[in-house]
Amino acid sequence: MNNNSKNLSLEQKIDRILELLENMSQNNDSMFGDTISDEEMYKKAYEATISAGKVSTSYLQRKLGIGYSRSAGLVDMLEQRGVVSPSNGSKPRTVIGKPAQSL
């Protein structure tokens, strides 16, 4: 925070935060930039998976900067679309196919 914000009352600070959140929701932005659609994120996950030759939930979290739930969903999609092998405990899944229709 800058020096000006130190002089604001708690109510003024709350108002500023609420205004910022309102602007973010109107612009459909997240705190970290534009919201990425599921298909766009799938394409990024697909490319990262093919490049690495394997995938895990934690790998996608780190590579794409996403949370566990979204990462796990992407790994499930990759499996359903025939790109990666089924789960094998805690080991990363391997690439088993590169279906063109998945992109």
Foldseek 3Di string as FASTA:
>chain_A
DDPVVVPDDPVVVVVVVVVVVVVCVVVCADPVGHDDDLLRLLVVVLVVCVVVQWDDLVVSCVVVVDDSVSSVVSVVVCVVVQQWDDDDPRDTTGGDDDDPVSD
